[in-house]
Amino acid sequence: MLRQGLMKKHILRCLAVLMLLFVGQVSAVPTDEIAQMLKGQEDAWNRGDLDAYMQGYWKSEQLRFVSNGKFRYGWDETLAAYKKNYPNKEALGELKFTIKEIKMLSNYAAMVVGRWDLKRQKDAPTGVFTLLVEKIDDRWVITMDHSSD
């Protein structure tokens, strides 16, 4: 009887340890991580911090950005274009992303389709975007952005 009780305790301890190991291995769903990265960009934009906004992009010369019929290559060129086109908080306005779909292409790549809306004192431009988001150096970053009005 005593031996049976000890055996049950041992089995319960093993199960508890296995459950803790399993729970410890569970990580965020990639689509949630991607949505969180985009929310971080939205927040940075709304603070007027373009340098923080750009942290959502791959800091590489291989970054591709397509908008208004223009092709931009590289992180530095993209940041410079943002700073030129949005020189102050008034020009930045209030940004809102609406994600329509995040389609996982692999464990390390996803396509994100959505809408962007700006609210400014003088206007309220809106448009759509398609992003290629990849997990590089354990971070989800935008490697290609196609945005249009």
C-alpha atoms as a PDB file:
ATOM      1  CA  MET A   1       0.000   0.000   0.000  1.00  0.00           C
ATOM      2  CA  LEU A   2       2.807   2.417   0.943  1.00  0.00           C
ATOM      3  CA  ARG A   3       4.713   1.436  -2.174  1.00  0.00           C
ATOM      4  CA  GLN A   4       1.609   2.114  -4.334  1.00  0.00           C
ATOM      5  CA  GLY A   5       1.224   5.604  -2.785  1.00  0.00           C
ATOM      6  CA  LEU A   6       4.873   6.431  -3.463  1.00  0.00           C
ATOM      7  CA  MET A   7       4.499   5.239  -7.047  1.00  0.00           C
ATOM      8  CA  LYS A   8       1.458   7.509  -7.576  1.00  0.00           C
ATOM      9  CA  LYS A   9       3.356  10.496  -6.160  1.00  0.00           C
ATOM     10  CA  HIS A  10       6.299   9.744  -8.436  1.00  0.00           C
ATOM     11  CA  ILE A  11       4.040   9.503 -11.512  1.00  0.00           C
ATOM     12  CA  LEU A  12       2.249  12.742 -10.591  1.00  0.00           C
ATOM     13  CA  ARG A  13       5.596  14.529 -10.160  1.00  0.00           C
ATOM     14  CA  CYS A  14       6.770  13.278 -13.553  1.00  0.00           C
ATOM     15  CA  LEU A  15       3.550  14.448 -15.179  1.00  0.00           C
ATOM     16  CA  ALA A  16       3.870  17.845 -13.503  1.00  0.00           C
ATOM     17  CA  VAL A  17       7.452  18.205 -14.743  1.00  0.00           C
ATOM     18  CA  LEU A  18       6.425  17.208 -18.277  1.00  0.00           C
ATOM     19  CA  MET A  19       3.568  19.727 -18.223  1.00  0.00           C
ATOM     20  CA  LEU A  20       5.917  22.491 -17.070  1.00  0.00           C
ATOM     21  CA  LEU A  21       8.379  21.598 -19.820  1.00  0.00           C
ATOM     22  CA  PHE A  22       5.583  21.678 -22.409  1.00  0.00           C
ATOM     23  CA  VAL A  23       4.209  25.012 -21.182  1.00  0.00           C
ATOM     24  CA  GLY A  24       7.730  26.457 -21.193  1.00  0.00           C
ATOM     25  CA  GLN A  25       8.148  25.472 -24.838  1.00  0.00           C
ATOM     26  CA  VAL A  26       4.972  27.193 -26.016  1.00  0.00           C
ATOM     27  CA  SER A  27       5.821  30.461 -27.736  1.00  0.00           C
ATOM     28  CA  ALA A  28       3.730  33.150 -29.329  1.00  0.00           C
ATOM     29  CA  VAL A  29       2.001  32.318 -32.580  1.00  0.00           C
ATOM     30  CA  PRO A  30       3.962  33.869 -35.495  1.00  0.00           C
ATOM     31  CA  THR A  31       0.919  35.790 -36.738  1.00  0.00           C
ATOM     32  CA  ASP A  32       0.560  37.366 -33.280  1.00  0.00           C
ATOM     33  CA  GLU A  33       4.249  38.325 -33.262  1.00  0.00           C
ATOM     34  CA  ILE A  34       3.885  39.905 -36.711  1.00  0.00           C
ATOM     35  CA  ALA A  35       0.766  41.817 -35.681  1.00  0.00           C
ATOM     36  CA  GLN A  36       2.609  43.013 -32.566  1.00  0.00           C
ATOM     37  CA  MET A  37       5.548  44.246 -34.676  1.00  0.00           C
ATOM     38  CA  LEU A  38       3.131  46.233 -36.868  1.00  0.00           C
ATOM     39  CA  LYS A  39       1.403  47.635 -33.775  1.00  0.00           C
ATOM     40  CA  GLY A  40       4.823  48.782 -32.552  1.00  0.00           C
ATOM     41  CA  GLN A  41       5.339  50.583 -35.873  1.00  0.00           C
ATOM     42  CA  GLU A  42       1.931  52.218 -35.607  1.00  0.00           C
ATOM     43  CA  ASP A  43       2.699  53.399 -32.052  1.00  0.00           C
ATOM     44  CA  ALA A  44       6.128  54.769 -33.052  1.00  0.00           C
ATOM     45  CA  TRP A  45       4.613  56.675 -35.998  1.00  0.00           C
ATOM     46  CA  ASN A  46       1.948  58.174 -33.756  1.00  0.00           C
ATOM     47  CA  ARG A  47       4.662  59.332 -31.320  1.00  0.00           C
ATOM     48  CA  GLY A  48       6.422  61.010 -34.252  1.00  0.00           C
ATOM     49  CA  ASP A  49       9.424  58.660 -34.002  1.00  0.00           C
ATOM     50  CA  LEU A  50      10.355  57.553 -37.530  1.00  0.00           C
ATOM     51  CA  ASP A  51      13.610  55.979 -36.338  1.00  0.00           C
ATOM     52  CA  ALA A  52      11.631  53.642 -34.048  1.00  0.00           C
ATOM     53  CA  TYR A  53       9.051  53.079 -36.823  1.00  0.00           C
ATOM     54  CA  MET A  54      11.843  51.857 -39.104  1.00  0.00           C
ATOM     55  CA  GLN A  55      12.800  49.139 -36.597  1.00  0.00           C
ATOM     56  CA  GLY A  56       9.989  47.091 -38.152  1.00  0.00           C
ATOM     57  CA  TYR A  57      11.955  47.020 -41.409  1.00  0.00           C
ATOM     58  CA  TRP A  58      14.935  44.827 -42.244  1.00  0.00           C
ATOM     59  CA  LYS A  59      18.026  46.994 -41.752  1.00  0.00           C
ATOM     60  CA  SER A  60      19.624  45.916 -45.011  1.00  0.00           C
ATOM     61  CA  GLU A  61      20.401  47.239 -48.462  1.00  0.00           C
ATOM     62  CA  GLN A  62      18.247  44.341 -49.683  1.00  0.00           C
ATOM     63  CA  LEU A  63      15.060  45.905 -48.245  1.00  0.00           C
ATOM     64  CA  ARG A  64      12.611  46.710 -51.060  1.00  0.00           C
ATOM     65  CA  PHE A  65       9.947  49.424 -50.862  1.00  0.00           C
ATOM     66  CA  VAL A  66       7.488  50.183 -53.673  1.00  0.00           C
ATOM     67  CA  SER A  67       5.103  53.132 -53.473  1.00  0.00           C
ATOM     68  CA  ASN A  68       3.643  55.794 -55.773  1.00  0.00           C
ATOM     69  CA  GLY A  69       5.304  54.253 -58.805  1.00  0.00           C
ATOM     70  CA  LYS A  70       8.773  54.443 -57.217  1.00  0.00           C
ATOM     71  CA  PHE A  71      11.156  51.687 -56.175  1.00  0.00           C
ATOM     72  CA  ARG A  72      13.361  52.233 -53.152  1.00  0.00           C
ATOM     73  CA  TYR A  73      16.226  49.953 -52.247  1.00  0.00           C
ATOM     74  CA  GLY A  74      17.713  49.743 -48.793  1.00  0.00           C
ATOM     75  CA  TRP A  75      16.865  50.712 -45.249  1.00  0.00           C
ATOM     76  CA  ASP A  76      18.739  54.041 -45.300  1.00  0.00           C
ATOM     77  CA  GLU A  77      17.047  55.201 -48.518  1.00  0.00           C
ATOM     78  CA  THR A  78      13.647  54.226 -47.135  1.00  0.00           C
ATOM     79  CA  LEU A  79      14.231  56.122 -43.884  1.00  0.00           C
ATOM     80  CA  ALA A  80      15.439  59.188 -45.817  1.00  0.00           C
ATOM     81  CA  ALA A  81      12.286  59.116 -47.971  1.00  0.00           C
ATOM     82  CA  TYR A  82      10.062  58.877 -44.897  1.00  0.00           C
ATOM     83  CA  LYS A  83      11.844  61.819 -43.260  1.00  0.00           C
ATOM     84  CA  LYS A  84      11.565  63.880 -46.456  1.00  0.00           C
ATOM     85  CA  ASN A  85       7.864  63.123 -46.998  1.00  0.00           C
ATOM     86  CA  TYR A  86       6.884  63.354 -43.327  1.00  0.00           C
ATOM     87  CA  PRO A  87       9.088  66.135 -41.885  1.00  0.00           C
ATOM     88  CA  ASN A  88       7.037  66.842 -38.743  1.00  0.00           C
ATOM     89  CA  LYS A  89       4.249  65.574 -36.493  1.00  0.00           C
ATOM     90  CA  GLU A  90       1.612  67.455 -38.489  1.00  0.00           C
ATOM     91  CA  ALA A  91       2.650  65.665 -41.686  1.00  0.00           C
ATOM     92  CA  LEU A  92       2.772  62.321 -39.872  1.00  0.00           C
ATOM     93  CA  GLY A  93      -0.724  62.638 -38.442  1.00  0.00           C
ATOM     94  CA  GLU A  94      -2.278  59.628 -36.743  1.00  0.00           C
ATOM     95  CA  LEU A  95      -1.656  56.235 -38.401  1.00  0.00           C
ATOM     96  CA  LYS A  96      -3.944  53.228 -38.190  1.00  0.00           C
ATOM     97  CA  PHE A  97      -3.138  49.830 -39.705  1.00  0.00           C
ATOM     98  CA  THR A  98      -5.949  47.371 -40.381  1.00  0.00           C
ATOM     99  CA  ILE A  99      -4.604  43.906 -41.081  1.00  0.00           C
ATOM    100  CA  LYS A 100      -6.852  41.979 -43.477  1.00  0.00           C
ATOM    101  CA  GLU A 101      -4.778  38.816 -43.686  1.00  0.00           C
ATOM    102  CA  ILE A 102      -1.518  37.314 -42.490  1.00  0.00           C
ATOM    103  CA  LYS A 103      -0.657  34.287 -44.601  1.00  0.00           C
ATOM    104  CA  MET A 104       2.217  32.173 -43.346  1.00  0.00           C
ATOM    105  CA  LEU A 105       4.388  31.085 -46.283  1.00  0.00           C
ATOM    106  CA  SER A 106       6.761  29.074 -44.086  1.00  0.00           C
ATOM    107  CA  ASN A 107       7.973  29.068 -40.490  1.00  0.00           C
ATOM    108  CA  TYR A 108      10.124  32.079 -41.387  1.00  0.00           C
ATOM    109  CA  ALA A 109       8.074  34.077 -43.885  1.00  0.00           C
ATOM    110  CA  ALA A 110       4.608  35.579 -44.143  1.00  0.00           C
ATOM    111  CA  MET A 111       2.618  37.819 -46.442  1.00  0.00           C
ATOM    112  CA  VAL A 112       0.590  40.551 -44.768  1.00  0.00           C
ATOM    113  CA  VAL A 113      -2.206  42.380 -46.575  1.00  0.00           C
ATOM    114  CA  GLY A 114      -3.939  45.347 -45.068  1.00  0.00           C
ATOM    115  CA  ARG A 115      -5.023  48.954 -45.120  1.00  0.00           C
ATOM    116  CA  TRP A 116      -3.360  52.084 -43.773  1.00  0.00           C
ATOM    117  CA  ASP A 117      -5.246  55.226 -42.784  1.00  0.00           C
ATOM    118  CA  LEU A 118      -3.816  58.598 -41.820  1.00  0.00           C
ATOM    119  CA  LYS A 119      -5.779  61.284 -40.037  1.00  0.00           C
ATOM    120  CA  ARG A 120      -4.321  64.755 -40.360  1.00  0.00           C
ATOM    121  CA  GLN A 121      -5.752  68.225 -39.858  1.00  0.00           C
ATOM    122  CA  LYS A 122      -5.888  68.973 -43.586  1.00  0.00           C
ATOM    123  CA  ASP A 123      -6.695  65.530 -45.028  1.00  0.00           C
ATOM    124  CA  ALA A 124      -7.149  61.813 -44.409  1.00  0.00           C
ATOM    125  CA  PRO A 125      -5.200  59.775 -46.963  1.00  0.00           C
ATOM    126  CA  THR A 126      -5.769  56.038 -47.065  1.00  0.00           C
ATOM    127  CA  GLY A 127      -4.374  53.091 -48.971  1.00  0.00           C
ATOM    128  CA  VAL A 128      -3.441  49.435 -48.976  1.00  0.00           C
ATOM    129  CA  PHE A 129      -0.259  47.475 -48.420  1.00  0.00           C
ATOM    130  CA  THR A 130       1.229  44.081 -49.087  1.00  0.00           C
ATOM    131  CA  LEU A 131       4.243  43.150 -46.991  1.00  0.00           C
ATOM    132  CA  LEU A 132       6.703  40.291 -47.109  1.00  0.00           C
ATOM    133  CA  VAL A 133       7.692  39.723 -43.491  1.00  0.00           C
ATOM    134  CA  GLU A 134      10.557  37.391 -42.621  1.00  0.00           C
ATOM    135  CA  LYS A 135      12.074  36.121 -39.405  1.00  0.00           C
ATOM    136  CA  ILE A 136      15.696  37.237 -39.477  1.00  0.00           C
ATOM    137  CA  ASP A 137      18.002  37.027 -36.459  1.00  0.00           C
ATOM    138  CA  ASP A 138      15.013  35.876 -34.367  1.00  0.00           C
ATOM    139  CA  ARG A 139      12.949  39.003 -35.228  1.00  0.00           C
ATOM    140  CA  TRP A 140      10.047  39.462 -37.627  1.00  0.00           C
ATOM    141  CA  VAL A 141      10.936  42.285 -40.033  1.00  0.00           C
ATOM    142  CA  ILE A 142       9.480  43.684 -43.241  1.00  0.00           C
ATOM    143  CA  THR A 143      11.760  42.778 -46.160  1.00  0.00           C
ATOM    144  CA  MET A 144       9.482  44.046 -48.928  1.00  0.00           C
ATOM    145  CA  ASP A 145       6.726  46.670 -48.714  1.00  0.00           C
ATOM    146  CA  HIS A 146       4.323  47.579 -51.510  1.00  0.00           C
ATOM    147  CA  SER A 147       2.019  50.390 -50.390  1.00  0.00           C
ATOM    148  CA  SER A 148      -0.361  52.420 -52.490  1.00  0.00           C
ATOM    149  CA  ASP A 149      -3.083  55.053 -52.214  1.00  0.00           C
END
